[in-house]
Amino acid sequence: MDRSAAAHVHAHPHTPWIHTGPSCLAPGSGLTSFHDALARVIEAAAPRDVVERPLSEARGTVLAEPLVAREPAPPFAQSAMDGYAVRADDTRGATPDAPVVLPIAGEVAAGAATPAPLAPGTAIRIMTGAQVPPGADAVLPVEQTRESDDGRVALHATARAGDFVRRMGEDMQPGAVLLPAGVRLGPAQIGLLASQGRVTARVFRPPTVALLSTGDELLGGPAGRIRDVNGPMLAALAGELGCPVVDLGVAGDDPEAIYAALRAGLSEADVVVTSGGVSAGRHDHVPEVFERCGAAWLFRKVHIKPGLPTAAARHGTKLLFGLPGNPASALVTFLQLVRPALRRMAGAAPDEGVVVVPAVLEHAIRKGDGKRHFHRVIVTRGPEGYTDGYVARSSGGQGSHMVASLARANGLVQVPEDSAGLEAAQVVDVELLAPPA
């Protein structure tokens, strides 16, 4: 068993673990390699316009300009504890058995005005976050003191200069770049903006995504009906990225109905994603409707499994994606091709947030069709004492129609085009869809 790879995590799967060489597909095959398809959608995905958002509405958006510190933090020397501000030299030799006793010259609360200087041989009662008086160079925590009724305090420990004092500007200095543009704003980043007196943030507007499911089978009677899995699933995926979703509903295999829905989607959204009706059957009308809408093709088919019929086109600054109707194909192609474009349009890196870990395969994975495979797996932590970190096994049937095995999977393993498969006990990179069990 190859156990040379230590467990690790990185967030740039499209460079270190996806084949990035030239396409090996024969000219005229009508297929686009996964690498080329990904590059085309990223190139076509331009960030949306910049908007000003209140901090209360900025969570999940991407910063459009660097955040530069306007002021030092802390803005002055602060106490890190409730206790007594002192001159360290005045506490020399203090111990629990032989305390140094000093008169208390006053008190400083958090938020109070700049206190008067500390006179030698005195102490000032101070609260956490309060400004350290000029002349004081240390704070002795209240737990190491005992105050008496006569206005004096016994110090039971020797302080060193700097003890429990937060230096002015130790966290931030004016002019320092605190956040670069392109950072997605979470609670901590919003708190950082607020610390600089910001009440709004200039962010990229998240792209709006319009979703359309197609197929007569989704509209048929109870006996022949198939429930729409892709609509709710793709809406959840877009929602995870902070993208507003426009639900275009379900259209049957009718070119006019699909055309009307796509025109509505293009008028309301930055990206239109369809599922179903994108292959080469008699009732697959999505490609012809894309052309009728005036879209320019980026690609028509991608040499992957699942998801070969996936198509993408450009309509001005907007993008259209035609995903296959089978749920596993729709999910995989959304994750691998639509999601990077949406991140780019939101102002983030295309592979932002993607986590890849090494795992030991419990069994071999075989293929012989020359496509890039995305194998759905279950990733778990190894048993106690296991040194490789993670193990991976198939989530079950890999048919593109299988929803139960799709829901069980928390990872994807890629098998490159030029590979016949992966061996049992081989260490492979796994893109996590959810935390390992």
Protein backbone atom coordinates (compact mmCIF):
# COMPACT_ATOMS: atom_id res chain seq x y z
CA MET A 1 0.00 0.00 0.00
CA ASP A 2 1.33 3.42 -0.94
CA ARG A 3 1.23 5.48 2.23
CA SER A 4 3.75 8.11 1.26
CA ALA A 5 1.25 10.99 1.10
CA ALA A 6 0.42 12.65 4.38
CA ALA A 7 -3.08 13.99 4.79
CA HIS A 8 -3.38 17.53 3.50
CA VAL A 9 -5.98 20.04 2.38
CA HIS A 10 -5.73 22.62 -0.38
CA ALA A 11 -8.19 24.83 -2.19
CA HIS A 12 -6.94 24.93 -5.78
CA PRO A 13 -8.07 21.69 -7.45
CA HIS A 14 -8.01 22.94 -11.01
CA THR A 15 -4.25 23.36 -10.96
CA PRO A 16 -2.62 20.64 -8.87
CA TRP A 17 -4.95 17.71 -9.42
CA ILE A 18 -6.68 18.23 -12.77
CA HIS A 19 -4.80 17.41 -15.96
CA THR A 20 -3.96 20.71 -17.62
CA GLY A 21 -2.19 19.56 -20.75
CA PRO A 22 -3.52 20.06 -24.27
CA SER A 23 -6.66 18.26 -25.35
CA CYS A 24 -6.00 14.72 -26.54
CA LEU A 25 -9.29 14.54 -28.44
CA ALA A 26 -9.22 13.97 -32.15
CA PRO A 27 -10.02 17.07 -34.26
CA GLY A 28 -13.60 17.00 -35.48
CA SER A 29 -14.75 14.67 -32.71
CA GLY A 30 -17.32 17.24 -31.60
CA LEU A 31 -16.17 16.82 -28.01
CA THR A 32 -14.40 19.34 -25.82
CA SER A 33 -11.93 18.21 -23.19
CA PHE A 34 -12.80 19.02 -19.61
CA HIS A 35 -9.77 21.28 -19.29
CA ASP A 36 -10.74 23.29 -22.38
CA ALA A 37 -14.41 23.52 -21.36
CA LEU A 38 -13.47 24.83 -17.92
CA ALA A 39 -11.05 27.37 -19.37
CA ARG A 40 -13.70 28.67 -21.81
CA VAL A 41 -16.39 29.26 -19.19
CA ILE A 42 -13.96 30.98 -16.82
CA GLU A 43 -12.75 33.23 -19.63
CA ALA A 44 -16.35 34.10 -20.54
CA ALA A 45 -17.39 34.78 -16.94
CA ALA A 46 -16.79 38.44 -16.14
CA PRO A 47 -17.38 39.86 -12.63
CA ARG A 48 -20.69 41.66 -12.23
CA ASP A 49 -21.03 45.34 -11.33
CA VAL A 50 -19.87 46.77 -8.02
CA VAL A 51 -22.53 47.76 -5.48
CA GLU A 52 -22.54 49.31 -2.02
CA ARG A 53 -24.06 47.02 0.58
CA PRO A 54 -24.81 47.69 4.26
CA LEU A 55 -22.71 45.40 6.42
CA SER A 56 -25.91 43.70 7.56
CA GLU A 57 -26.47 42.58 3.96
CA ALA A 58 -22.86 41.94 2.91
CA ARG A 59 -22.36 38.42 4.26
CA GLY A 60 -21.37 36.02 1.49
CA THR A 61 -20.52 38.73 -1.05
CA VAL A 62 -17.03 39.38 -2.42
CA LEU A 63 -15.08 42.51 -1.59
CA ALA A 64 -14.47 44.66 -4.67
CA GLU A 65 -11.70 46.85 -3.24
CA PRO A 66 -8.96 46.37 -0.66
CA LEU A 67 -9.76 47.24 2.93
CA VAL A 68 -7.03 49.59 4.16
CA ALA A 69 -6.64 50.41 7.83
CA ARG A 70 -7.65 53.98 8.61
CA GLU A 71 -6.55 53.97 12.24
CA PRO A 72 -4.47 51.89 14.61
CA ALA A 73 -6.02 49.07 16.57
CA PRO A 74 -6.05 49.16 19.47
CA PRO A 75 -6.31 52.96 19.16
CA PHE A 76 -4.37 53.38 22.42
CA ALA A 77 -2.59 51.20 24.96
CA GLN A 78 -5.36 49.07 26.54
CA SER A 79 -5.65 46.90 29.58
CA ALA A 80 -6.13 43.23 28.75
CA MET A 81 -7.50 42.45 32.23
CA ASP A 82 -9.47 43.86 35.10
CA GLY A 83 -6.85 44.84 37.67
CA TYR A 84 -4.46 47.66 38.55
CA ALA A 85 -2.29 49.75 36.27
CA VAL A 86 1.17 50.11 37.78
CA ARG A 87 4.76 50.96 37.11
CA ALA A 88 6.53 47.59 36.97
CA ASP A 89 9.44 48.95 39.03
CA ASP A 90 7.03 49.75 41.86
CA THR A 91 6.07 46.05 42.17
CA ARG A 92 9.60 44.70 42.39
CA GLY A 93 9.92 41.90 44.96
CA ALA A 94 6.18 41.45 45.51
CA THR A 95 5.14 37.89 46.39
CA PRO A 96 2.03 36.28 47.91
CA ASP A 97 3.77 36.21 51.28
CA ALA A 98 5.34 39.66 51.03
CA PRO A 99 3.07 41.89 48.96
CA VAL A 100 3.85 45.42 47.90
CA VAL A 101 1.15 47.83 49.09
CA LEU A 102 0.36 50.96 47.02
CA PRO A 103 -2.25 53.69 47.40
CA ILE A 104 -5.02 53.67 44.78
CA ALA A 105 -4.95 56.92 42.84
CA GLY A 106 -8.19 56.46 40.91
CA GLU A 107 -10.06 54.28 38.47
CA VAL A 108 -10.26 53.99 34.67
CA ALA A 109 -13.27 52.31 33.06
CA ALA A 110 -13.54 51.18 29.46
CA GLY A 111 -14.64 54.11 27.32
CA ALA A 112 -13.51 56.75 29.81
CA ALA A 113 -11.55 59.81 28.73
CA THR A 114 -7.77 59.75 28.70
CA PRO A 115 -6.75 59.29 32.33
CA ALA A 116 -4.32 61.45 34.23
CA PRO A 117 -0.72 60.19 34.36
CA LEU A 118 0.11 57.60 36.98
CA ALA A 119 2.27 59.04 39.72
CA PRO A 120 5.22 56.91 40.86
CA GLY A 121 4.45 54.72 43.84
CA THR A 122 0.71 54.54 43.16
CA ALA A 123 -1.74 52.22 41.34
CA ILE A 124 -4.89 52.91 39.38
CA ARG A 125 -7.84 50.53 39.30
CA ILE A 126 -8.49 49.62 35.62
CA MET A 127 -11.02 47.62 33.63
CA THR A 128 -10.53 45.43 30.57
CA GLY A 129 -10.33 47.55 27.42
CA ALA A 130 -9.69 50.79 29.30
CA GLN A 131 -6.88 53.14 28.31
CA VAL A 132 -3.68 52.55 30.28
CA PRO A 133 -2.68 55.78 32.04
CA PRO A 134 0.48 57.53 30.87
CA GLY A 135 3.36 56.45 33.07
CA ALA A 136 1.95 52.97 33.71
CA ASP A 137 3.71 50.14 31.88
CA ALA A 138 1.95 47.05 33.23
CA VAL A 139 -1.34 45.76 34.59
CA LEU A 140 -1.56 43.36 37.49
CA PRO A 141 -4.73 41.19 37.29
CA VAL A 142 -7.22 41.58 40.11
CA GLU A 143 -6.71 37.91 41.03
CA GLN A 144 -3.14 38.78 42.10
CA THR A 145 -4.21 41.67 44.32
CA ARG A 146 -6.23 42.45 47.42
CA GLU A 147 -7.81 45.83 47.98
CA SER A 148 -8.32 47.14 51.50
CA ASP A 149 -10.90 49.54 52.87
CA ASP A 150 -8.32 52.25 53.43
CA GLY A 151 -7.83 52.94 49.72
CA ARG A 152 -4.76 50.81 49.23
CA VAL A 153 -4.08 47.63 47.26
CA ALA A 154 -1.75 44.78 48.11
CA LEU A 155 0.08 43.44 45.05
CA HIS A 156 0.92 39.75 45.46
CA ALA A 157 3.09 39.37 42.34
CA THR A 158 5.88 41.20 40.59
CA ALA A 159 4.81 42.74 37.25
CA ARG A 160 7.01 42.99 34.20
CA ALA A 161 6.82 45.90 31.79
CA GLY A 162 4.18 45.09 29.15
CA ASP A 163 2.27 42.54 31.23
CA PHE A 164 -1.43 42.53 30.26
CA VAL A 165 -1.08 45.68 28.17
CA ARG A 166 -2.32 45.67 24.57
CA ARG A 167 0.06 47.92 22.69
CA MET A 168 -1.36 50.70 20.51
CA GLY A 169 -1.52 49.44 16.91
CA GLU A 170 -0.36 45.89 17.71
CA ASP A 171 -3.26 44.47 15.68
CA MET A 172 -3.41 47.01 12.83
CA GLN A 173 -1.39 49.99 11.66
CA PRO A 174 -2.80 52.80 9.50
CA GLY A 175 -2.21 52.15 5.80
CA ALA A 176 -1.95 48.38 6.18
CA VAL A 177 -3.99 46.28 3.72
CA LEU A 178 -6.28 44.29 5.97
CA LEU A 179 -8.25 42.48 3.25
CA PRO A 180 -7.43 42.29 -0.46
CA ALA A 181 -10.11 42.61 -3.10
CA GLY A 182 -11.64 39.24 -3.96
CA VAL A 183 -12.16 38.06 -0.38
CA ARG A 184 -15.58 36.62 0.40
CA LEU A 185 -17.05 38.35 3.43
CA GLY A 186 -17.89 36.18 6.40
CA PRO A 187 -18.70 37.25 9.96
CA ALA A 188 -15.05 37.89 10.89
CA GLN A 189 -14.39 39.98 7.78
CA ILE A 190 -17.54 42.02 8.39
CA GLY A 191 -16.35 42.57 11.95
CA LEU A 192 -13.02 43.80 10.57
CA LEU A 193 -14.82 46.29 8.32
CA ALA A 194 -16.81 47.52 11.28
CA SER A 195 -13.61 47.94 13.32
CA GLN A 196 -12.50 50.52 10.77
CA GLY A 197 -15.69 52.52 11.07
CA ARG A 198 -17.22 51.12 7.90
CA VAL A 199 -21.00 50.72 7.80
CA THR A 200 -21.10 49.58 4.16
CA ALA A 201 -18.88 47.55 1.86
CA ARG A 202 -18.21 47.84 -1.86
CA VAL A 203 -18.78 44.35 -3.20
CA PHE A 204 -19.41 42.58 -6.47
CA ARG A 205 -23.06 41.92 -7.10
CA PRO A 206 -23.63 38.15 -6.99
CA PRO A 207 -24.89 36.83 -10.33
CA THR A 208 -28.56 35.97 -10.55
CA VAL A 209 -29.20 32.44 -11.78
CA ALA A 210 -32.34 31.41 -13.67
CA LEU A 211 -33.17 27.69 -13.58
CA LEU A 212 -35.32 25.77 -16.06
CA SER A 213 -36.08 22.06 -15.98
CA THR A 214 -37.24 20.54 -19.27
CA GLY A 215 -38.96 17.33 -20.34
CA ASP A 216 -42.48 16.09 -20.99
CA GLU A 217 -41.88 13.41 -18.38
CA LEU A 218 -41.85 16.14 -15.71
CA LEU A 219 -45.33 17.25 -16.77
CA GLY A 220 -46.95 13.90 -17.47
CA GLY A 221 -49.75 12.18 -15.60
CA PRO A 222 -49.18 10.19 -12.40
CA ALA A 223 -48.40 6.95 -14.25
CA GLY A 224 -45.63 8.38 -16.44
CA ARG A 225 -44.45 11.30 -14.41
CA ILE A 226 -40.89 11.72 -13.15
CA ARG A 227 -40.44 14.19 -10.31
CA ASP A 228 -38.24 17.21 -10.90
CA VAL A 229 -35.10 16.55 -8.87
CA ASN A 230 -32.82 18.98 -10.67
CA GLY A 231 -34.77 22.18 -10.04
CA PRO A 232 -34.57 22.06 -6.22
CA MET A 233 -31.06 20.56 -6.29
CA LEU A 234 -29.59 23.21 -8.59
CA ALA A 235 -31.38 25.98 -6.69
CA ALA A 236 -29.71 24.74 -3.51
CA LEU A 237 -26.31 24.71 -5.20
CA ALA A 238 -26.74 28.26 -6.49
CA GLY A 239 -28.02 29.37 -3.09
CA GLU A 240 -24.89 28.00 -1.40
CA LEU A 241 -22.91 30.46 -3.52
CA GLY A 242 -25.08 33.39 -2.46
CA CYS A 243 -26.66 33.72 -5.91
CA PRO A 244 -30.26 34.92 -6.16
CA VAL A 245 -32.34 32.31 -8.01
CA VAL A 246 -35.10 32.84 -10.56
CA ASP A 247 -37.29 29.75 -10.87
CA LEU A 248 -38.40 29.38 -14.49
CA GLY A 249 -40.28 26.23 -13.59
CA VAL A 250 -40.67 23.28 -15.93
CA ALA A 251 -41.07 23.33 -19.70
CA GLY A 252 -42.10 20.32 -21.74
CA ASP A 253 -40.28 19.18 -24.86
CA ASP A 254 -41.72 22.09 -26.80
CA PRO A 255 -39.30 24.52 -28.52
CA GLU A 256 -41.69 27.44 -28.12
CA ALA A 257 -42.14 26.88 -24.40
CA ILE A 258 -38.39 26.52 -23.91
CA TYR A 259 -37.74 29.63 -25.99
CA ALA A 260 -40.20 31.71 -23.97
CA ALA A 261 -38.66 30.53 -20.71
CA LEU A 262 -35.11 31.23 -21.88
CA ARG A 263 -36.03 34.73 -23.06
CA ALA A 264 -37.56 35.40 -19.65
CA GLY A 265 -34.44 34.04 -17.96
CA LEU A 266 -32.11 36.20 -20.04
CA SER A 267 -34.13 39.28 -19.15
CA GLU A 268 -33.94 38.61 -15.41
CA ALA A 269 -30.68 36.79 -14.77
CA ASP A 270 -26.96 36.79 -15.48
CA VAL A 271 -26.80 33.03 -15.97
CA VAL A 272 -29.46 30.67 -17.30
CA VAL A 273 -29.12 26.99 -16.45
CA THR A 274 -31.32 24.38 -18.07
CA SER A 275 -31.44 20.68 -17.31
CA GLY A 276 -32.59 18.04 -19.74
CA GLY A 277 -33.25 18.20 -23.47
CA VAL A 278 -29.62 18.92 -24.35
CA SER A 279 -28.55 15.68 -26.05
CA ALA A 280 -29.16 14.62 -29.66
CA GLY A 281 -32.58 12.98 -29.47
CA ARG A 282 -35.66 14.01 -31.46
CA HIS A 283 -37.12 15.77 -28.43
CA ASP A 284 -33.92 17.48 -27.27
CA HIS A 285 -34.59 21.08 -28.28
CA VAL A 286 -32.38 23.08 -25.91
CA PRO A 287 -29.38 23.44 -28.31
CA GLU A 288 -31.53 24.79 -31.14
CA VAL A 289 -33.25 27.21 -28.76
CA PHE A 290 -29.88 28.47 -27.51
CA GLU A 291 -29.03 29.31 -31.12
CA ARG A 292 -32.44 30.87 -31.72
CA CYS A 293 -31.82 33.17 -28.74
CA GLY A 294 -28.67 34.41 -30.47
CA ALA A 295 -26.18 32.75 -28.12
CA ALA A 296 -22.64 31.89 -29.28
CA TRP A 297 -21.41 28.42 -28.41
CA LEU A 298 -18.55 27.86 -25.98
CA PHE A 299 -18.87 24.10 -26.36
CA ARG A 300 -21.54 21.52 -27.21
CA LYS A 301 -20.32 18.34 -25.51
CA VAL A 302 -17.65 17.62 -22.89
CA HIS A 303 -15.59 14.42 -22.80
CA ILE A 304 -16.60 13.50 -19.24
CA LYS A 305 -18.73 10.97 -17.41
CA PRO A 306 -21.26 11.69 -16.14
CA GLY A 307 -22.28 14.74 -18.15
CA LEU A 308 -21.10 14.29 -21.76
CA PRO A 309 -24.02 16.26 -23.37
CA THR A 310 -23.27 19.39 -21.31
CA ALA A 311 -23.34 22.57 -23.39
CA ALA A 312 -22.51 26.21 -22.73
CA ALA A 313 -23.01 29.40 -24.69
CA ARG A 314 -22.54 33.12 -24.33
CA HIS A 315 -25.19 35.78 -24.82
CA GLY A 316 -23.46 39.14 -24.50
CA THR A 317 -22.12 39.21 -20.96
CA LYS A 318 -24.53 36.47 -19.89
CA LEU A 319 -23.97 32.72 -19.89
CA LEU A 320 -26.25 29.83 -20.73
CA PHE A 321 -25.58 26.28 -19.55
CA GLY A 322 -27.42 23.25 -20.83
CA LEU A 323 -26.97 20.45 -18.32
CA PRO A 324 -28.07 16.84 -18.80
CA GLY A 325 -31.33 15.75 -17.24
CA ASN A 326 -30.01 12.89 -15.13
CA PRO A 327 -29.44 14.17 -11.57
CA ALA A 328 -25.87 12.91 -11.10
CA SER A 329 -24.87 14.45 -14.43
CA ALA A 330 -26.57 17.72 -13.52
CA LEU A 331 -24.90 17.95 -10.13
CA VAL A 332 -21.41 17.02 -11.32
CA THR A 333 -21.47 19.40 -14.28
CA PHE A 334 -22.84 22.22 -12.15
CA LEU A 335 -20.04 21.73 -9.62
CA GLN A 336 -17.27 21.41 -12.19
CA LEU A 337 -18.33 23.94 -14.84
CA VAL A 338 -21.16 26.22 -13.63
CA ARG A 339 -19.88 26.82 -10.11
CA PRO A 340 -16.43 28.12 -11.19
CA ALA A 341 -18.15 30.55 -13.59
CA LEU A 342 -20.52 31.80 -10.88
CA ARG A 343 -17.64 32.33 -8.48
CA ARG A 344 -15.75 34.27 -11.13
CA MET A 345 -18.82 36.40 -11.88
CA ALA A 346 -19.16 37.11 -8.16
CA GLY A 347 -15.59 38.45 -8.10
CA ALA A 348 -13.99 35.43 -6.41
CA ALA A 349 -11.42 32.91 -7.61
CA PRO A 350 -13.06 30.15 -9.70
CA ASP A 351 -11.87 27.46 -7.29
CA GLU A 352 -12.55 29.39 -4.09
CA GLY A 353 -13.59 27.15 -1.23
CA VAL A 354 -12.96 23.84 -3.00
CA VAL A 355 -11.29 21.44 -0.58
CA VAL A 356 -9.24 18.47 -1.77
CA VAL A 357 -7.84 15.78 0.52
CA PRO A 358 -5.79 12.64 -0.16
CA ALA A 359 -7.52 9.38 0.61
CA VAL A 360 -6.69 5.70 0.25
CA LEU A 361 -9.04 3.85 -2.09
CA GLU A 362 -10.64 0.77 -0.58
CA HIS A 363 -11.16 -0.77 -4.01
CA ALA A 364 -10.13 -0.39 -7.64
CA ILE A 365 -11.99 1.89 -10.05
CA ARG A 366 -11.95 0.78 -13.69
CA LYS A 367 -12.85 2.53 -16.92
CA GLY A 368 -12.08 2.06 -20.61
CA ASP A 369 -13.92 4.79 -22.52
CA GLY A 370 -11.25 7.52 -22.69
CA LYS A 371 -13.45 10.04 -20.82
CA ARG A 372 -12.61 11.89 -17.64
CA HIS A 373 -14.68 10.22 -14.93
CA PHE A 374 -16.01 11.82 -11.76
CA HIS A 375 -16.54 8.89 -9.42
CA ARG A 376 -18.80 9.51 -6.45
CA VAL A 377 -17.31 8.29 -3.18
CA ILE A 378 -17.83 8.25 0.56
CA VAL A 379 -14.85 9.67 2.44
CA THR A 380 -14.30 8.68 6.07
CA ARG A 381 -11.54 9.15 8.57
CA GLY A 382 -9.35 6.10 8.98
CA PRO A 383 -9.66 3.89 12.07
CA GLU A 384 -7.75 4.70 15.24
CA GLY A 385 -4.02 4.49 14.61
CA TYR A 386 -4.44 4.87 10.84
CA THR A 387 -1.70 7.14 9.49
CA ASP A 388 -3.05 8.10 6.06
CA GLY A 389 -5.89 10.29 7.29
CA TYR A 390 -8.81 9.35 5.02
CA VAL A 391 -10.19 6.37 3.16
CA ALA A 392 -12.62 6.45 0.24
CA ARG A 393 -15.07 3.93 -1.18
CA SER A 394 -17.71 4.12 -3.86
CA SER A 395 -21.02 5.59 -2.75
CA GLY A 396 -22.82 2.86 -4.71
CA GLY A 397 -24.10 2.64 -8.27
CA GLN A 398 -22.54 5.25 -10.54
CA GLY A 399 -25.44 5.48 -12.99
CA SER A 400 -26.19 9.10 -13.80
CA HIS A 401 -29.86 8.56 -12.86
CA MET A 402 -29.12 7.28 -9.35
CA VAL A 403 -30.13 9.81 -6.70
CA ALA A 404 -29.66 7.70 -3.54
CA SER A 405 -25.97 7.01 -4.20
CA LEU A 406 -25.55 10.65 -5.22
CA ALA A 407 -26.93 11.78 -1.86
CA ARG A 408 -24.64 9.39 0.03
CA ALA A 409 -21.51 10.73 -1.64
CA ASN A 410 -19.41 13.35 0.11
CA GLY A 411 -16.57 13.35 -2.41
CA LEU A 412 -15.57 13.09 -6.06
CA VAL A 413 -12.55 11.23 -7.39
CA GLN A 414 -11.38 12.13 -10.89
CA VAL A 415 -10.06 9.46 -13.22
CA PRO A 416 -8.22 11.22 -16.10
CA GLU A 417 -8.94 10.61 -19.77
CA ASP A 418 -5.72 8.71 -20.41
CA SER A 419 -6.11 6.43 -17.38
CA ALA A 420 -7.62 2.95 -17.37
CA GLY A 421 -8.54 3.35 -13.73
CA LEU A 422 -7.25 3.54 -10.19
CA GLU A 423 -5.93 0.73 -8.00
CA ALA A 424 -7.07 -0.47 -4.61
CA ALA A 425 -4.91 1.04 -1.82
CA GLN A 426 -3.85 3.88 -4.14
CA VAL A 427 -3.70 7.36 -2.61
CA VAL A 428 -5.93 9.66 -4.65
CA ASP A 429 -7.08 13.27 -4.41
CA VAL A 430 -10.73 13.63 -3.45
CA GLU A 431 -12.76 16.82 -3.86
CA LEU A 432 -14.95 17.04 -0.78
CA LEU A 433 -18.64 17.75 -1.24
CA ALA A 434 -19.26 17.59 2.50
CA PRO A 435 -17.06 16.97 5.59
CA PRO A 436 -15.75 13.41 5.98
CA ALA A 437 -17.71 11.18 8.30
